Amino acid sequence: MYKFVLGAIASLLFAFTPPVEAKVKAKAKAGVSAGKVKKQAVGKSRFKRREVAPRVVAESRNTMVRRTVMVRGKRKVVYQRVIVAASLPERARQSAGDRAGLNQTSDPLDLKSNVAFVLDQNNAEVLFEKNANIALPIASITKLMTGLIVVEAQQDMGEVLNITEDDVDHEKFTSSRLRVGSRMTRANLLHIALMSSENRAAAALARNYPGGVAGFVEAMNAKARQLGMNDTRYVDSSGLSSRNVASARDLAKLAMFAYNQPLLRQYSTDPKSTVDAGDRLMHYNNTNYLVAMPDWDIGLQKTGFINEAGRCLVMQTVIQGRAVIMVFLDSKGKQSRTADAGRMRRWLEGLRPPGLS
């Protein structure tokens, strides 16, 4: 009886377990060898992960990252859940003008600048005004006053100055093509400060002024008071600090006065220039592409940008025979300040020419 029961159990096991040889033959018919069958059997769970993982990534591609790691000398693919910064809502940067509510001010030209001011250079007639009396950060428009202080000091423009660690920006940590150790004449430093808004050049000019940086900044503020720029205050020569502030009306006064300096007119409006940095030649372009446009007649200009100030532009230009000073502050968008200048020019061209009643 005992042998009979064992025999029955063995028969049942044999009936429900297909022979290995049958498996191999079935795979061989499909073009797969017995060796490959064994490999697949061993790596069966890994094969399934490769099938499932792409679907997981596709369904949540913003939070899953595929990585290849080494485990005991073998490469292994793993998937990690991460927080992707781009998928988070980005906080909009607000300028000082936005925080003051100036972006709520409308104007007939639909300007993208929170502040605009246009003045007839010959008779000081105000042609256009928008929030022009409010002091705001002015960024590198600052360098227009920097240039004025340098030329009025009548320092040797041929003197070679060194760029040192003291000229490196520790306010905004901006980069510069002008390396520490570079040697350049005062004239070339002034040139690239006005034309290309080179911050280290502006810093070196201030540092090499009688009384150093403190004396230079004091001279800037004294000149502002002399010109009646009552809303203006400077704390550095580059404009990287948001504490450099002025109103559009003040900047128009500065532009009208600075226009009397031929060197400032030339350096600020050169489309491009090559300067000697001591160990190499450096090529610079103007930050205001309008100076190279044949349909613009620009006699003086300066651009500026930091987050607190937005995009800024001050320039003197001639439109249908009328010399005007244009000031645009806190503009949104990289080309918006020059686009606003274009809108203003078309509007001025539609006005009655000066001298006609």
Foldseek 3Di string as FASTA:
>chain_A
DVVVVVVVVVVVVPVPDDDPVVVQVVVVVVVDHPVVVVVCVVCVVVVVCVVVVVVVCVVVVQFKDWDWDADPNDIDIDIGGHHHPVVDDDDDQDALCVVVVLVVDADPLRALFSWKWKAQLPPRDTDDTHQQADKWQAFQLLLLLLLVLLVVVVDDQADKFFQAPQLQDPLPRDDAPQDHGWIFGLLVLNLCCQFVVGRSSQQRSQQPDVVGVVVSQVVSVVVLVVLVQVSAHDDGRRSSDRVGIGGNVSSQSSQSVSLVDQSQQVSNLDQKDWGGRPPDIDIGGGLDNVSVDPVWAWRHKGWGDDSNKATWIWTWTAAPNTIMIMTGIRGHDSCSVVVSVVSVNVVVNPDDDPPDD
